[in-house]
Amino acid sequence: MDRADEYTPPKIWEFTEENGGKWGGLNRPTAGATHDKTLPRGEHPHQLYSLATPNGVKITVMFEELLAAGHSDAEYDAYLIDIGEGDQFGSDFVSINPNSKIPALIDYSTSEPTRVFESGSILFYLAEKFGTFLPTSGVARTQVMNWTFWQMGSAPYLGGGFGHFYAYAPWKMKYPIDRFAMETKRQMDVLDKQLADNRFIAGDEYTIADIAIWPWYGNLALGRQYDAGEFLQVQSYENLQRWAKEVGARPAVRNGRKVNRTWGPASDQLRERHSASDFDTLPKD
């Protein structure tokens, strides 16, 4: 192993303004707002502030699934938070999510506005509120929660681990890429084995477990994540492939992944969403 660039940690770590990588200019070791910024508010009870990263897609897919299931009171406004410009550090956003990460939601239908942050918490909140995509009790509910929390614990190894060092780090480093590629493939194998005997992640029913996992691992299996499909041999996970394609073909998933997107084909970019008719404004594929 070439250790020419081996790093010796100092006795006391100190922050430098630029620590490299695609997002280096925004990273800092402190929390809180960096500037005053008022967030817009639309007409619906649910106000979502987000970006179409995998964590953001979870919530727009959930809303679109709720609406497709007939929950008309799940209508929402989705406003773009440009994390490349530091919108997540604006004062209004930080008041919703002190952790300055998307997505963030305010529900104005409650007696006092309810602020909800962390994608898993938002999924759980909406599933409980509308009584769908989450069994109410028993083994089935526990299985859904098991797999939903599996995603919360596993995805940082895929995103902040493999994705960062493979796609975003300022230079390629063998040890972290190999380490996190191994873990990502192990996680795909976990899902592939689970899906060998189950149509959906937690059984025969489509749930928030699928909605949580698909934007990360479904997109990875379909070759849309980090341009790493060949590197990770994603086609070899046949059960994961079958599930990723089935979930990805759902109309609500197809719409949800377009909301707050600012990259890719123009037909996939709906920067803001205020009604179902907004999708009709997009160019056709």
Protein backbone atom coordinates (compact mmCIF):
# COMPACT_ATOMS: atom_id res chain seq x y z
CA MET A 1 0.00 0.00 0.00
CA ASP A 2 1.30 3.46 -0.95
CA ARG A 3 1.43 5.53 2.22
CA ALA A 4 3.04 8.61 0.72
CA ASP A 5 -0.02 10.70 1.62
CA GLU A 6 -0.70 9.05 4.97
CA TYR A 7 -2.28 11.48 7.39
CA THR A 8 -0.99 11.89 10.92
CA PRO A 9 -3.76 13.44 13.04
CA PRO A 10 -2.64 16.43 15.12
CA LYS A 11 -3.00 16.34 18.87
CA ILE A 12 -5.89 18.83 18.58
CA TRP A 13 -7.94 19.03 15.39
CA GLU A 14 -8.62 22.51 14.02
CA PHE A 15 -11.10 23.57 11.38
CA THR A 16 -9.90 25.07 8.10
CA GLU A 17 -12.21 26.97 5.76
CA GLU A 18 -11.70 24.63 2.83
CA ASN A 19 -11.42 20.93 3.56
CA GLY A 20 -11.79 19.77 -0.02
CA GLY A 21 -14.37 17.87 -1.98
CA LYS A 22 -17.53 18.94 -3.76
CA TRP A 23 -19.18 20.24 -0.58
CA GLY A 24 -16.04 21.40 1.19
CA GLY A 25 -16.92 25.08 1.06
CA LEU A 26 -20.15 24.52 3.00
CA ASN A 27 -18.87 22.22 5.73
CA ARG A 28 -18.21 23.60 9.20
CA PRO A 29 -18.02 22.17 12.72
CA THR A 30 -20.76 24.37 14.22
CA ALA A 31 -24.56 24.39 14.01
CA GLY A 32 -27.07 27.21 13.63
CA ALA A 33 -28.15 29.73 11.03
CA THR A 34 -25.57 31.64 9.01
CA HIS A 35 -28.01 34.17 7.55
CA ASP A 36 -31.57 35.41 7.77
CA LYS A 37 -33.87 33.92 5.18
CA THR A 38 -37.67 33.70 5.17
CA LEU A 39 -39.14 30.53 3.70
CA PRO A 40 -42.14 30.78 1.37
CA ARG A 41 -45.49 29.33 2.36
CA GLY A 42 -48.13 27.90 0.04
CA GLU A 43 -51.81 27.23 0.50
CA HIS A 44 -51.73 23.60 1.64
CA PRO A 45 -51.45 22.34 5.24
CA HIS A 46 -48.17 20.54 4.50
CA GLN A 47 -45.18 22.70 3.62
CA LEU A 48 -42.13 20.73 2.52
CA TYR A 49 -38.67 22.26 2.11
CA SER A 50 -36.39 19.83 0.36
CA LEU A 51 -34.19 18.71 -2.53
CA ALA A 52 -34.44 15.54 -4.62
CA THR A 53 -31.57 13.73 -2.95
CA PRO A 54 -32.50 10.20 -1.80
CA ASN A 55 -33.65 11.49 1.60
CA GLY A 56 -35.76 14.17 -0.03
CA VAL A 57 -37.28 11.75 -2.55
CA LYS A 58 -38.57 9.59 0.29
CA ILE A 59 -40.96 12.33 1.35
CA THR A 60 -42.19 13.49 -2.04
CA VAL A 61 -42.84 9.85 -2.95
CA MET A 62 -44.74 9.42 0.32
CA PHE A 63 -46.93 12.43 -0.38
CA GLU A 64 -47.60 11.31 -3.95
CA GLU A 65 -48.46 7.79 -2.72
CA LEU A 66 -50.85 9.21 -0.13
CA LEU A 67 -52.59 11.30 -2.78
CA ALA A 68 -52.75 8.31 -5.15
CA ALA A 69 -54.34 6.30 -2.34
CA GLY A 70 -57.14 8.85 -2.08
CA HIS A 71 -55.95 11.00 0.82
CA SER A 72 -56.82 14.38 -0.68
CA ASP A 73 -55.93 16.12 2.58
CA ALA A 74 -52.32 15.07 2.01
CA GLU A 75 -51.88 17.87 -0.53
CA TYR A 76 -48.59 19.68 -0.12
CA ASP A 77 -46.37 22.48 -1.34
CA ALA A 78 -42.75 21.52 -1.99
CA TYR A 79 -40.16 24.29 -2.08
CA LEU A 80 -36.61 23.85 -3.27
CA ILE A 81 -33.76 24.07 -0.76
CA ASP A 82 -30.53 24.51 -2.70
CA ILE A 83 -27.94 22.92 -0.44
CA GLY A 84 -25.17 23.96 -2.83
CA GLU A 85 -26.05 27.59 -2.07
CA GLY A 86 -26.38 27.01 1.68
CA ASP A 87 -30.18 27.46 1.88
CA GLN A 88 -30.24 24.88 4.67
CA PHE A 89 -28.44 27.36 6.90
CA GLY A 90 -31.09 30.07 6.54
CA SER A 91 -32.82 31.18 9.73
CA ASP A 92 -36.31 29.89 8.89
CA PHE A 93 -35.02 26.50 7.79
CA VAL A 94 -32.90 26.10 10.92
CA SER A 95 -35.98 26.92 13.01
CA ILE A 96 -37.60 23.79 11.52
CA ASN A 97 -34.51 21.59 11.54
CA PRO A 98 -31.67 22.64 13.85
CA ASN A 99 -29.54 20.00 12.10
CA SER A 100 -29.68 21.93 8.79
CA LYS A 101 -30.43 18.90 6.63
CA ILE A 102 -33.20 18.33 4.13
CA PRO A 103 -36.03 17.41 4.16
CA ALA A 104 -37.98 19.54 6.63
CA LEU A 105 -41.75 19.73 6.99
CA ILE A 106 -44.27 21.99 8.70
CA ASP A 107 -47.81 20.70 9.19
CA TYR A 108 -50.22 23.61 9.69
CA SER A 109 -53.26 21.37 10.13
CA THR A 110 -52.47 20.84 13.81
CA SER A 111 -53.52 23.20 16.63
CA GLU A 112 -49.93 24.44 16.78
CA PRO A 113 -47.78 24.10 13.65
CA THR A 114 -45.88 20.80 13.84
CA ARG A 115 -42.26 20.89 12.72
CA VAL A 116 -40.92 17.54 11.56
CA PHE A 117 -37.38 16.76 10.46
CA GLU A 118 -35.30 13.69 9.60
CA SER A 119 -36.73 11.72 6.68
CA GLY A 120 -37.54 8.62 8.73
CA SER A 121 -39.41 10.69 11.29
CA ILE A 122 -41.39 12.43 8.53
CA LEU A 123 -42.34 9.09 6.96
CA PHE A 124 -43.48 7.75 10.31
CA TYR A 125 -45.38 10.97 11.08
CA LEU A 126 -47.29 10.89 7.78
CA ALA A 127 -47.98 7.15 7.97
CA GLU A 128 -49.42 7.58 11.46
CA LYS A 129 -51.42 10.67 10.50
CA PHE A 130 -53.07 9.08 7.46
CA GLY A 131 -53.17 5.50 8.73
CA THR A 132 -51.53 3.90 5.72
CA PHE A 133 -48.29 2.27 4.54
CA LEU A 134 -47.64 1.17 8.14
CA PRO A 135 -49.46 -1.70 9.89
CA THR A 136 -51.13 -0.60 13.09
CA SER A 137 -49.85 -3.38 15.34
CA GLY A 138 -48.22 -6.76 15.69
CA VAL A 139 -45.45 -8.54 13.86
CA ALA A 140 -46.17 -6.82 10.56
CA ARG A 141 -45.68 -3.37 12.09
CA THR A 142 -42.46 -4.44 13.78
CA GLN A 143 -41.10 -5.81 10.49
CA VAL A 144 -41.79 -2.51 8.73
CA MET A 145 -40.11 -0.56 11.51
CA ASN A 146 -37.14 -2.97 11.51
CA TRP A 147 -36.47 -2.32 7.84
CA THR A 148 -37.20 1.39 7.99
CA PHE A 149 -34.64 1.78 10.76
CA TRP A 150 -32.27 -0.52 8.86
CA GLN A 151 -32.23 2.10 6.13
CA MET A 152 -31.52 4.91 8.57
CA GLY A 153 -28.53 3.05 9.97
CA SER A 154 -27.23 1.65 6.67
CA ALA A 155 -27.51 4.50 4.17
CA PRO A 156 -24.76 6.65 5.75
CA TYR A 157 -22.29 3.91 4.76
CA LEU A 158 -23.61 4.11 1.21
CA GLY A 159 -23.88 7.91 0.96
CA GLY A 160 -21.37 9.48 3.30
CA GLY A 161 -19.11 6.47 2.98
CA PHE A 162 -19.03 4.91 -0.50
CA GLY A 163 -20.69 7.77 -2.37
CA HIS A 164 -18.45 10.42 -0.85
CA PHE A 165 -15.14 8.69 -1.42
CA TYR A 166 -16.05 7.18 -4.81
CA ALA A 167 -17.79 10.18 -6.36
CA TYR A 168 -17.12 13.39 -4.41
CA ALA A 169 -13.77 13.26 -2.59
CA PRO A 170 -11.07 15.52 -4.08
CA TRP A 171 -8.97 12.47 -4.96
CA LYS A 172 -9.44 8.70 -5.09
CA MET A 173 -8.31 6.82 -1.99
CA LYS A 174 -8.06 3.04 -2.10
CA TYR A 175 -8.72 2.19 1.53
CA PRO A 176 -12.05 4.07 2.04
CA ILE A 177 -13.35 3.15 -1.43
CA ASP A 178 -12.60 -0.53 -0.91
CA ARG A 179 -13.95 -0.47 2.64
CA PHE A 180 -17.25 1.17 1.75
CA ALA A 181 -17.67 -0.70 -1.55
CA MET A 182 -17.47 -3.92 0.46
CA GLU A 183 -20.08 -2.65 2.93
CA THR A 184 -22.37 -1.40 0.16
CA LYS A 185 -22.27 -4.77 -1.57
CA ARG A 186 -22.99 -6.48 1.75
CA GLN A 187 -26.03 -4.26 2.21
CA MET A 188 -27.28 -5.05 -1.29
CA ASP A 189 -26.86 -8.74 -0.48
CA VAL A 190 -28.93 -8.25 2.69
CA LEU A 191 -31.73 -6.76 0.61
CA ASP A 192 -31.40 -9.33 -2.16
CA LYS A 193 -31.79 -12.20 0.29
CA GLN A 194 -34.77 -10.53 2.00
CA LEU A 195 -36.46 -9.96 -1.34
CA ALA A 196 -35.95 -13.57 -2.42
CA ASP A 197 -39.00 -14.54 -0.34
CA ASN A 198 -40.87 -11.23 -0.20
CA ARG A 199 -42.47 -9.13 -2.92
CA PHE A 200 -41.75 -5.98 -0.96
CA ILE A 201 -39.17 -5.25 1.70
CA ALA A 202 -41.25 -6.19 4.75
CA GLY A 203 -43.57 -8.74 3.16
CA ASP A 204 -46.42 -8.73 0.66
CA GLU A 205 -47.51 -5.14 1.30
CA TYR A 206 -45.92 -1.92 0.06
CA THR A 207 -44.96 0.19 3.11
CA ILE A 208 -42.80 3.04 4.33
CA ALA A 209 -39.94 0.54 4.42
CA ASP A 210 -40.02 0.43 0.61
CA ILE A 211 -40.46 4.19 0.40
CA ALA A 212 -37.43 4.70 2.68
CA ILE A 213 -35.14 2.18 1.00
CA TRP A 214 -35.94 2.62 -2.70
CA PRO A 215 -34.50 6.14 -3.23
CA TRP A 216 -31.14 4.89 -1.97
CA TYR A 217 -30.86 1.24 -2.94
CA GLY A 218 -33.44 1.08 -5.71
CA ASN A 219 -31.71 3.90 -7.54
CA LEU A 220 -28.36 2.25 -6.87
CA ALA A 221 -29.61 -1.03 -8.33
CA LEU A 222 -30.93 0.81 -11.39
CA GLY A 223 -27.52 2.40 -12.01
CA ARG A 224 -28.61 5.95 -11.12
CA GLN A 225 -26.49 6.44 -8.02
CA TYR A 226 -22.86 7.67 -8.16
CA ASP A 227 -22.40 6.20 -11.67
CA ALA A 228 -21.29 3.05 -9.85
CA GLY A 229 -23.52 0.34 -11.30
CA GLU A 230 -20.78 -1.51 -13.17
CA PHE A 231 -18.23 -1.01 -10.39
CA LEU A 232 -20.56 -2.61 -7.83
CA GLN A 233 -22.01 -5.18 -10.29
CA VAL A 234 -25.53 -4.20 -9.30
CA GLN A 235 -27.09 -6.41 -11.99
CA SER A 236 -25.99 -9.50 -10.09
CA TYR A 237 -28.55 -8.85 -7.33
CA GLU A 238 -31.54 -10.30 -9.18
CA ASN A 239 -34.17 -9.96 -6.45
CA LEU A 240 -33.11 -6.40 -5.71
CA GLN A 241 -33.33 -5.65 -9.43
CA ARG A 242 -36.86 -7.04 -9.63
CA TRP A 243 -38.03 -4.97 -6.65
CA ALA A 244 -36.24 -1.79 -7.78
CA LYS A 245 -37.95 -1.95 -11.18
CA GLU A 246 -41.39 -2.73 -9.75
CA VAL A 247 -41.31 0.09 -7.20
CA GLY A 248 -39.73 2.48 -9.68
CA ALA A 249 -42.60 1.92 -12.11
CA ARG A 250 -45.25 3.10 -9.65
CA PRO A 251 -46.75 6.41 -10.88
CA ALA A 252 -46.35 8.03 -7.45
CA VAL A 253 -42.68 7.07 -7.34
CA ARG A 254 -42.10 8.35 -10.85
CA ASN A 255 -43.66 11.67 -9.91
CA GLY A 256 -42.12 11.89 -6.45
CA ARG A 257 -38.57 11.57 -7.71
CA LYS A 258 -39.08 14.60 -10.00
CA VAL A 259 -40.07 17.03 -7.26
CA ASN A 260 -37.37 19.52 -6.18
CA ARG A 261 -34.98 18.08 -8.77
CA THR A 262 -32.55 20.44 -10.51
CA TRP A 263 -30.47 18.01 -12.56
CA GLY A 264 -30.97 15.36 -15.24
CA PRO A 265 -33.43 15.51 -18.15
CA ALA A 266 -35.76 18.51 -18.17
CA SER A 267 -38.71 16.10 -18.08
CA ASP A 268 -37.55 15.01 -14.60
CA GLN A 269 -37.12 18.48 -13.09
CA LEU A 270 -40.04 19.92 -11.15
CA ARG A 271 -38.30 22.52 -9.02
CA GLU A 272 -41.42 23.30 -6.97
CA ARG A 273 -44.66 21.40 -6.59
CA HIS A 274 -47.98 22.95 -5.56
CA SER A 275 -50.57 20.76 -7.29
CA ALA A 276 -50.80 17.58 -9.33
CA SER A 277 -51.23 19.67 -12.46
CA ASP A 278 -47.65 20.92 -12.09
CA PHE A 279 -46.42 17.63 -13.53
CA ASP A 280 -48.29 18.42 -16.75
CA THR A 281 -46.01 21.41 -17.30
CA LEU A 282 -42.93 19.21 -17.71
CA PRO A 283 -41.68 18.36 -21.19
CA LYS A 284 -42.52 14.83 -22.30
CA ASP A 285 -39.82 12.13 -22.28
